[in-house]
Amino acid sequence: MKLIIAGEVDVLNGCTEKEWYDAKSVKIENKLAVILAYLELKADKQIEWERKKEIERQIEEREKELKAYNDKIIAIERVAFDELMDEADRLSRYLKLSNFIKQIENDQSRSEAWIKWAKKKATWIDPRNDTEDEILGKFSNT
């Protein structure tokens, strides 16, 4: 704000400019109440605008946090679902292998040692068992 004693007051507020001058009938000194009221109104509007912007910023920040949280939940759910599918695939492989071994046992086309070895491998691949193969270690889909 710039105050010029020679009867002129200029107020710049952003891009809005307001000027007061001495009039023939009213000196600028007599307009001080109006000028102050104007400045207070402008200040109140500026404060309100800043509050609104701060609320908007907080809302935007909260929305970003919620999106990040939702993205994290989705990622966790995808991992859990992938693990479920891996276990289903393992069970399917176990059932396929078990049926194959039963057929071999019925046909008596392999030795008892081979059947015993194959059953150990079937037990190892079964997701309901947490067994470790003596050579291959823990089962891994990779």
N, C-alpha and C. Protein backbone atom coordinates (compact mmCIF):
# COMPACT_ATOMS: atom_id res chain seq x y z
N MET A 1 0.86 -1.17 0.00
CA MET A 1 0.00 0.00 0.00
C MET A 1 0.90 1.23 0.00
N LYS A 2 0.52 2.20 -0.79
CA LYS A 2 1.32 3.42 -0.85
C LYS A 2 0.40 4.59 -0.53
N LEU A 3 0.83 5.39 0.38
CA LEU A 3 0.03 6.54 0.81
C LEU A 3 0.77 7.80 0.40
N ILE A 4 0.11 8.60 -0.40
CA ILE A 4 0.70 9.87 -0.84
C ILE A 4 -0.04 10.99 -0.15
N ILE A 5 0.71 11.80 0.52
CA ILE A 5 0.12 12.89 1.32
C ILE A 5 -0.64 13.89 0.46
N ALA A 6 -0.27 14.05 -0.78
CA ALA A 6 -0.87 15.08 -1.62
C ALA A 6 -2.31 14.79 -2.00
N GLY A 7 -3.00 13.97 -1.27
CA GLY A 7 -4.42 13.76 -1.53
C GLY A 7 -4.74 12.57 -2.40
N GLU A 8 -3.87 11.51 -2.43
CA GLU A 8 -4.11 10.35 -3.28
C GLU A 8 -3.68 9.10 -2.52
N VAL A 9 -4.48 8.01 -2.60
CA VAL A 9 -4.12 6.72 -2.00
C VAL A 9 -4.30 5.66 -3.07
N ASP A 10 -3.25 4.90 -3.32
CA ASP A 10 -3.31 3.77 -4.26
C ASP A 10 -3.19 2.47 -3.45
N VAL A 11 -4.04 1.49 -3.77
CA VAL A 11 -3.95 0.18 -3.13
C VAL A 11 -3.86 -0.85 -4.24
N LEU A 12 -2.80 -1.63 -4.22
CA LEU A 12 -2.66 -2.72 -5.18
C LEU A 12 -2.86 -4.03 -4.43
N ASN A 13 -3.76 -4.82 -4.89
CA ASN A 13 -4.01 -6.13 -4.29
C ASN A 13 -4.04 -7.14 -5.42
N GLY A 14 -2.94 -7.79 -5.66
CA GLY A 14 -2.86 -8.70 -6.79
C GLY A 14 -2.97 -7.91 -8.07
N CYS A 15 -3.97 -8.20 -8.86
CA CYS A 15 -4.18 -7.49 -10.12
C CYS A 15 -5.24 -6.40 -9.98
N THR A 16 -5.86 -6.29 -8.82
CA THR A 16 -6.92 -5.30 -8.63
C THR A 16 -6.32 -4.02 -8.08
N GLU A 17 -6.66 -2.93 -8.68
CA GLU A 17 -6.13 -1.64 -8.22
C GLU A 17 -7.31 -0.75 -7.83
N LYS A 18 -7.14 -0.09 -6.72
CA LYS A 18 -8.18 0.81 -6.24
C LYS A 18 -7.49 2.11 -5.84
N GLU A 19 -8.08 3.23 -6.24
CA GLU A 19 -7.49 4.53 -5.92
C GLU A 19 -8.54 5.43 -5.30
N TRP A 20 -8.09 6.24 -4.35
CA TRP A 20 -8.95 7.25 -3.74
C TRP A 20 -8.27 8.60 -3.89
N TYR A 21 -9.05 9.61 -4.15
CA TYR A 21 -8.52 10.97 -4.33
C TYR A 21 -9.33 11.95 -3.48
N ASP A 22 -8.71 13.10 -3.28
CA ASP A 22 -9.46 14.22 -2.71
C ASP A 22 -10.55 14.61 -3.71
N ALA A 23 -11.72 14.82 -3.20
CA ALA A 23 -12.80 15.35 -4.04
C ALA A 23 -13.00 16.82 -3.65
N LYS A 24 -13.77 17.52 -4.44
CA LYS A 24 -14.01 18.93 -4.13
C LYS A 24 -14.67 19.09 -2.78
N SER A 25 -15.60 18.20 -2.48
CA SER A 25 -16.36 18.36 -1.24
C SER A 25 -15.83 17.50 -0.09
N VAL A 26 -15.06 16.41 -0.40
CA VAL A 26 -14.59 15.50 0.65
C VAL A 26 -13.10 15.27 0.49
N LYS A 27 -12.36 15.56 1.56
CA LYS A 27 -10.92 15.32 1.56
C LYS A 27 -10.67 13.82 1.78
N ILE A 28 -9.54 13.35 1.34
CA ILE A 28 -9.20 11.93 1.50
C ILE A 28 -9.14 11.52 2.97
N GLU A 29 -8.76 12.48 3.83
CA GLU A 29 -8.70 12.18 5.26
C GLU A 29 -10.07 11.78 5.80
N ASN A 30 -11.10 12.33 5.19
CA ASN A 30 -12.47 12.03 5.63
C ASN A 30 -12.99 10.71 5.04
N LYS A 31 -12.22 10.14 4.11
CA LYS A 31 -12.61 8.86 3.51
C LYS A 31 -11.88 7.67 4.16
N LEU A 32 -11.09 7.92 5.20
CA LEU A 32 -10.29 6.85 5.81
C LEU A 32 -11.14 5.69 6.31
N ALA A 33 -12.29 5.96 6.86
CA ALA A 33 -13.17 4.88 7.33
C ALA A 33 -13.59 3.98 6.16
N VAL A 34 -13.93 4.57 5.03
CA VAL A 34 -14.33 3.82 3.84
C VAL A 34 -13.14 3.03 3.30
N ILE A 35 -11.96 3.69 3.27
CA ILE A 35 -10.75 3.03 2.78
C ILE A 35 -10.41 1.84 3.67
N LEU A 36 -10.43 2.02 4.97
CA LEU A 36 -10.13 0.93 5.90
C LEU A 36 -11.15 -0.19 5.78
N ALA A 37 -12.43 0.16 5.63
CA ALA A 37 -13.46 -0.86 5.46
C ALA A 37 -13.19 -1.66 4.18
N TYR A 38 -12.82 -0.96 3.12
CA TYR A 38 -12.49 -1.63 1.86
C TYR A 38 -11.31 -2.57 2.06
N LEU A 39 -10.26 -2.09 2.70
CA LEU A 39 -9.06 -2.91 2.93
C LEU A 39 -9.37 -4.12 3.81
N GLU A 40 -10.19 -3.92 4.84
CA GLU A 40 -10.58 -5.04 5.70
C GLU A 40 -11.38 -6.07 4.91
N LEU A 41 -12.29 -5.62 4.07
CA LEU A 41 -13.09 -6.52 3.25
C LEU A 41 -12.19 -7.31 2.30
N LYS A 42 -11.24 -6.60 1.68
CA LYS A 42 -10.29 -7.27 0.77
C LYS A 42 -9.46 -8.28 1.54
N ALA A 43 -9.00 -7.91 2.73
CA ALA A 43 -8.20 -8.81 3.55
C ALA A 43 -9.02 -10.04 3.95
N ASP A 44 -10.28 -9.82 4.33
CA ASP A 44 -11.15 -10.94 4.69
C ASP A 44 -11.35 -11.88 3.51
N LYS A 45 -11.55 -11.29 2.33
CA LYS A 45 -11.73 -12.12 1.13
C LYS A 45 -10.45 -12.90 0.82
N GLN A 46 -9.31 -12.26 1.00
CA GLN A 46 -8.02 -12.93 0.77
C GLN A 46 -7.83 -14.08 1.77
N ILE A 47 -8.15 -13.83 3.02
CA ILE A 47 -8.03 -14.87 4.05
C ILE A 47 -8.96 -16.03 3.73
N GLU A 48 -10.18 -15.71 3.34
CA GLU A 48 -11.14 -16.76 2.98
C GLU A 48 -10.66 -17.55 1.78
N TRP A 49 -10.11 -16.86 0.80
CA TRP A 49 -9.59 -17.54 -0.40
C TRP A 49 -8.44 -18.46 0.00
N GLU A 50 -7.54 -18.00 0.88
CA GLU A 50 -6.42 -18.82 1.33
C GLU A 50 -6.91 -20.03 2.12
N ARG A 51 -7.94 -19.83 2.98
CA ARG A 51 -8.52 -20.96 3.72
C ARG A 51 -9.09 -21.99 2.76
N LYS A 52 -9.83 -21.50 1.76
CA LYS A 52 -10.43 -22.39 0.77
C LYS A 52 -9.35 -23.18 0.03
N LYS A 53 -8.29 -22.51 -0.36
CA LYS A 53 -7.19 -23.18 -1.06
C LYS A 53 -6.52 -24.21 -0.16
N GLU A 54 -6.37 -23.89 1.12
CA GLU A 54 -5.77 -24.83 2.06
C GLU A 54 -6.65 -26.06 2.24
N ILE A 55 -7.96 -25.85 2.32
CA ILE A 55 -8.89 -26.97 2.43
C ILE A 55 -8.83 -27.83 1.17
N GLU A 56 -8.79 -27.18 0.01
CA GLU A 56 -8.68 -27.91 -1.25
C GLU A 56 -7.38 -28.71 -1.31
N ARG A 57 -6.29 -28.11 -0.82
CA ARG A 57 -5.00 -28.81 -0.80
C ARG A 57 -5.06 -30.02 0.12
N GLN A 58 -5.70 -29.84 1.30
CA GLN A 58 -5.82 -30.95 2.24
C GLN A 58 -6.69 -32.07 1.67
N ILE A 59 -7.78 -31.69 1.00
CA ILE A 59 -8.64 -32.69 0.37
C ILE A 59 -7.87 -33.45 -0.71
N GLU A 60 -7.14 -32.71 -1.52
CA GLU A 60 -6.34 -33.35 -2.58
C GLU A 60 -5.29 -34.29 -1.99
N GLU A 61 -4.65 -33.85 -0.93
CA GLU A 61 -3.64 -34.68 -0.26
C GLU A 61 -4.28 -35.95 0.31
N ARG A 62 -5.45 -35.79 0.91
CA ARG A 62 -6.16 -36.95 1.48
C ARG A 62 -6.58 -37.91 0.37
N GLU A 63 -7.03 -37.37 -0.75
CA GLU A 63 -7.41 -38.23 -1.88
C GLU A 63 -6.21 -39.01 -2.41
N LYS A 64 -5.05 -38.35 -2.46
CA LYS A 64 -3.83 -39.03 -2.89
C LYS A 64 -3.47 -40.15 -1.91
N GLU A 65 -3.60 -39.87 -0.61
CA GLU A 65 -3.31 -40.88 0.41
C GLU A 65 -4.26 -42.06 0.28
N LEU A 66 -5.55 -41.76 0.06
CA LEU A 66 -6.54 -42.84 -0.10
C LEU A 66 -6.25 -43.67 -1.34
N LYS A 67 -5.86 -43.01 -2.43
CA LYS A 67 -5.53 -43.74 -3.65
C LYS A 67 -4.32 -44.62 -3.42
N ALA A 68 -3.30 -44.09 -2.76
CA ALA A 68 -2.10 -44.88 -2.46
C ALA A 68 -2.46 -46.08 -1.58
N TYR A 69 -3.33 -45.84 -0.59
CA TYR A 69 -3.77 -46.93 0.29
C TYR A 69 -4.53 -47.99 -0.50
N ASN A 70 -5.46 -47.54 -1.36
CA ASN A 70 -6.23 -48.48 -2.18
C ASN A 70 -5.33 -49.25 -3.14
N ASP A 71 -4.36 -48.56 -3.72
CA ASP A 71 -3.41 -49.24 -4.62
C ASP A 71 -2.63 -50.31 -3.86
N LYS A 72 -2.27 -50.00 -2.62
CA LYS A 72 -1.53 -50.96 -1.79
C LYS A 72 -2.41 -52.17 -1.47
N ILE A 73 -3.68 -51.93 -1.13
CA ILE A 73 -4.62 -53.02 -0.84
C ILE A 73 -4.79 -53.90 -2.08
N ILE A 74 -4.92 -53.28 -3.23
CA ILE A 74 -5.08 -54.03 -4.48
C ILE A 74 -3.84 -54.87 -4.75
N ALA A 75 -2.66 -54.30 -4.53
CA ALA A 75 -1.41 -55.04 -4.75
C ALA A 75 -1.33 -56.24 -3.80
N ILE A 76 -1.69 -56.04 -2.54
CA ILE A 76 -1.67 -57.13 -1.57
C ILE A 76 -2.67 -58.22 -1.99
N GLU A 77 -3.85 -57.79 -2.43
CA GLU A 77 -4.87 -58.74 -2.86
C GLU A 77 -4.41 -59.54 -4.08
N ARG A 78 -3.72 -58.87 -5.00
CA ARG A 78 -3.21 -59.57 -6.19
C ARG A 78 -2.18 -60.62 -5.80
N VAL A 79 -1.28 -60.26 -4.89
CA VAL A 79 -0.27 -61.21 -4.43
C VAL A 79 -0.94 -62.41 -3.77
N ALA A 80 -1.93 -62.14 -2.90
CA ALA A 80 -2.63 -63.23 -2.23
C ALA A 80 -3.36 -64.12 -3.24
N PHE A 81 -3.98 -63.49 -4.25
CA PHE A 81 -4.68 -64.27 -5.27
C PHE A 81 -3.69 -65.10 -6.09
N ASP A 82 -2.55 -64.51 -6.45
CA ASP A 82 -1.54 -65.25 -7.20
C ASP A 82 -1.04 -66.46 -6.40
N GLU A 83 -0.87 -66.27 -5.08
CA GLU A 83 -0.45 -67.38 -4.23
C GLU A 83 -1.53 -68.46 -4.19
N LEU A 84 -2.79 -68.04 -4.14
CA LEU A 84 -3.90 -68.99 -4.16
C LEU A 84 -3.89 -69.80 -5.46
N MET A 85 -3.70 -69.11 -6.57
CA MET A 85 -3.65 -69.80 -7.86
C MET A 85 -2.45 -70.74 -7.93
N ASP A 86 -1.32 -70.33 -7.38
CA ASP A 86 -0.14 -71.21 -7.35
C ASP A 86 -0.44 -72.48 -6.56
N GLU A 87 -1.12 -72.32 -5.41
CA GLU A 87 -1.46 -73.50 -4.62
C GLU A 87 -2.45 -74.39 -5.36
N ALA A 88 -3.41 -73.78 -6.06
CA ALA A 88 -4.37 -74.56 -6.84
C ALA A 88 -3.64 -75.32 -7.95
N ASP A 89 -2.69 -74.67 -8.60
CA ASP A 89 -1.90 -75.33 -9.64
C ASP A 89 -1.08 -76.48 -9.05
N ARG A 90 -0.51 -76.23 -7.88
CA ARG A 90 0.27 -77.29 -7.22
C ARG A 90 -0.63 -78.48 -6.88
N LEU A 91 -1.82 -78.19 -6.35
CA LEU A 91 -2.73 -79.27 -6.00
C LEU A 91 -3.13 -80.05 -7.25
N SER A 92 -3.38 -79.33 -8.33
CA SER A 92 -3.73 -79.98 -9.59
C SER A 92 -2.58 -80.87 -10.07
N ARG A 93 -1.37 -80.36 -9.96
CA ARG A 93 -0.19 -81.15 -10.35
C ARG A 93 -0.02 -82.37 -9.44
N TYR A 94 -0.30 -82.17 -8.15
CA TYR A 94 -0.21 -83.28 -7.19
C TYR A 94 -1.23 -84.36 -7.55
N LEU A 95 -2.48 -83.94 -7.80
CA LEU A 95 -3.52 -84.92 -8.14
C LEU A 95 -3.19 -85.65 -9.43
N LYS A 96 -2.68 -84.94 -10.40
CA LYS A 96 -2.29 -85.56 -11.67
C LYS A 96 -1.17 -86.57 -11.45
N LEU A 97 -0.18 -86.17 -10.65
CA LEU A 97 0.95 -87.05 -10.37
C LEU A 97 0.50 -88.27 -9.56
N SER A 98 -0.37 -88.05 -8.56
CA SER A 98 -0.87 -89.17 -7.74
C SER A 98 -1.64 -90.17 -8.59
N ASN A 99 -2.50 -89.67 -9.47
CA ASN A 99 -3.24 -90.57 -10.36
C ASN A 99 -2.29 -91.36 -11.26
N PHE A 100 -1.29 -90.69 -11.76
CA PHE A 100 -0.30 -91.36 -12.60
C PHE A 100 0.41 -92.46 -11.81
N ILE A 101 0.82 -92.15 -10.59
CA ILE A 101 1.53 -93.14 -9.76
C ILE A 101 0.62 -94.33 -9.46
N LYS A 102 -0.66 -94.08 -9.20
CA LYS A 102 -1.62 -95.18 -8.95
C LYS A 102 -1.74 -96.08 -10.18
N GLN A 103 -1.77 -95.47 -11.34
CA GLN A 103 -1.83 -96.27 -12.58
C GLN A 103 -0.59 -97.14 -12.72
N ILE A 104 0.56 -96.56 -12.42
CA ILE A 104 1.83 -97.31 -12.51
C ILE A 104 1.81 -98.46 -11.49
N GLU A 105 1.32 -98.17 -10.28
CA GLU A 105 1.23 -99.22 -9.25
C GLU A 105 0.31 -100.35 -9.72
N ASN A 106 -0.82 -99.99 -10.30
CA ASN A 106 -1.77 -101.00 -10.78
C ASN A 106 -1.19 -101.82 -11.92
N ASP A 107 -0.46 -101.16 -12.79
CA ASP A 107 0.15 -101.84 -13.94
C ASP A 107 1.38 -102.65 -13.52
N GLN A 108 1.92 -102.31 -12.38
CA GLN A 108 3.16 -102.92 -11.89
C GLN A 108 4.27 -102.82 -12.93
N SER A 109 4.33 -101.62 -13.58
CA SER A 109 5.31 -101.42 -14.65
C SER A 109 6.60 -100.79 -14.16
N ARG A 110 6.65 -100.43 -12.88
CA ARG A 110 7.87 -99.83 -12.32
C ARG A 110 8.21 -100.54 -11.02
N SER A 111 9.44 -100.35 -10.61
CA SER A 111 9.91 -101.01 -9.39
C SER A 111 9.30 -100.34 -8.16
N GLU A 112 9.35 -101.06 -7.04
CA GLU A 112 8.88 -100.51 -5.77
C GLU A 112 9.70 -99.29 -5.37
N ALA A 113 10.99 -99.30 -5.66
CA ALA A 113 11.87 -98.17 -5.33
C ALA A 113 11.43 -96.92 -6.10
N TRP A 114 11.10 -97.10 -7.39
CA TRP A 114 10.65 -95.97 -8.21
C TRP A 114 9.32 -95.44 -7.68
N ILE A 115 8.40 -96.33 -7.33
CA ILE A 115 7.09 -95.92 -6.82
C ILE A 115 7.26 -95.17 -5.50
N LYS A 116 8.12 -95.67 -4.64
CA LYS A 116 8.40 -94.99 -3.36
C LYS A 116 8.96 -93.59 -3.64
N TRP A 117 9.91 -93.50 -4.59
CA TRP A 117 10.51 -92.20 -4.95
C TRP A 117 9.45 -91.25 -5.51
N ALA A 118 8.59 -91.76 -6.39
CA ALA A 118 7.55 -90.94 -7.02
C ALA A 118 6.54 -90.45 -5.99
N LYS A 119 6.18 -91.30 -5.03
CA LYS A 119 5.25 -90.88 -3.97
C LYS A 119 5.86 -89.77 -3.11
N LYS A 120 7.15 -89.85 -2.86
CA LYS A 120 7.82 -88.78 -2.11
C LYS A 120 7.74 -87.46 -2.88
N LYS A 121 7.95 -87.53 -4.18
CA LYS A 121 7.86 -86.31 -5.02
C LYS A 121 6.43 -85.78 -5.03
N ALA A 122 5.45 -86.67 -5.06
CA ALA A 122 4.04 -86.23 -5.04
C ALA A 122 3.73 -85.56 -3.70
N THR A 123 4.20 -86.15 -2.62
CA THR A 123 3.99 -85.55 -1.30
C THR A 123 4.67 -84.19 -1.23
N TRP A 124 5.84 -84.10 -1.83
CA TRP A 124 6.61 -82.85 -1.82
C TRP A 124 5.86 -81.73 -2.56
N ILE A 125 5.19 -82.07 -3.67
CA ILE A 125 4.51 -81.05 -4.46
C ILE A 125 3.13 -80.70 -3.90
N ASP A 126 2.58 -81.54 -3.04
CA ASP A 126 1.25 -81.31 -2.45
C ASP A 126 1.28 -80.04 -1.59
N PRO A 127 0.46 -79.02 -1.92
CA PRO A 127 0.49 -77.77 -1.16
C PRO A 127 -0.03 -77.91 0.26
N ARG A 128 -0.71 -79.02 0.55
CA ARG A 128 -1.22 -79.24 1.90
C ARG A 128 -0.14 -79.75 2.84
N ASN A 129 0.97 -80.14 2.28
CA ASN A 129 2.11 -80.61 3.07
C ASN A 129 3.24 -79.59 2.99
N ASP A 130 3.93 -79.46 4.07
CA ASP A 130 5.08 -78.54 4.09
C ASP A 130 6.36 -79.38 4.21
N THR A 131 6.50 -80.27 3.26
CA THR A 131 7.66 -81.16 3.31
C THR A 131 8.78 -80.60 2.47
N GLU A 132 9.97 -81.03 2.81
CA GLU A 132 11.16 -80.59 2.09
C GLU A 132 11.80 -81.82 1.46
N ASP A 133 12.08 -81.74 0.18
CA ASP A 133 12.73 -82.84 -0.51
C ASP A 133 14.20 -82.86 -0.13
N GLU A 134 14.75 -84.06 0.06
CA GLU A 134 16.14 -84.16 0.51
C GLU A 134 17.14 -83.64 -0.53
N ILE A 135 16.73 -83.61 -1.78
CA ILE A 135 17.63 -83.09 -2.82
C ILE A 135 17.18 -81.72 -3.30
N LEU A 136 15.89 -81.55 -3.55
CA LEU A 136 15.37 -80.32 -4.14
C LEU A 136 15.01 -79.24 -3.11
N GLY A 137 14.93 -79.60 -1.84
CA GLY A 137 14.62 -78.61 -0.81
C GLY A 137 13.13 -78.29 -0.78
N LYS A 138 12.82 -77.05 -0.39
CA LYS A 138 11.42 -76.62 -0.34
C LYS A 138 10.89 -76.43 -1.74
N PHE A 139 9.61 -76.72 -1.91
CA PHE A 139 8.99 -76.54 -3.23
C PHE A 139 8.90 -75.06 -3.57
N SER A 140 9.19 -74.73 -4.82
CA SER A 140 9.07 -73.36 -5.31
C SER A 140 8.52 -73.42 -6.72
N ASN A 141 7.58 -72.52 -7.01
CA ASN A 141 6.99 -72.48 -8.36
C ASN A 141 7.94 -71.84 -9.38
N THR A 142 9.03 -71.29 -8.92
CA THR A 142 9.94 -70.61 -9.87
C THR A 142 11.03 -71.52 -10.33
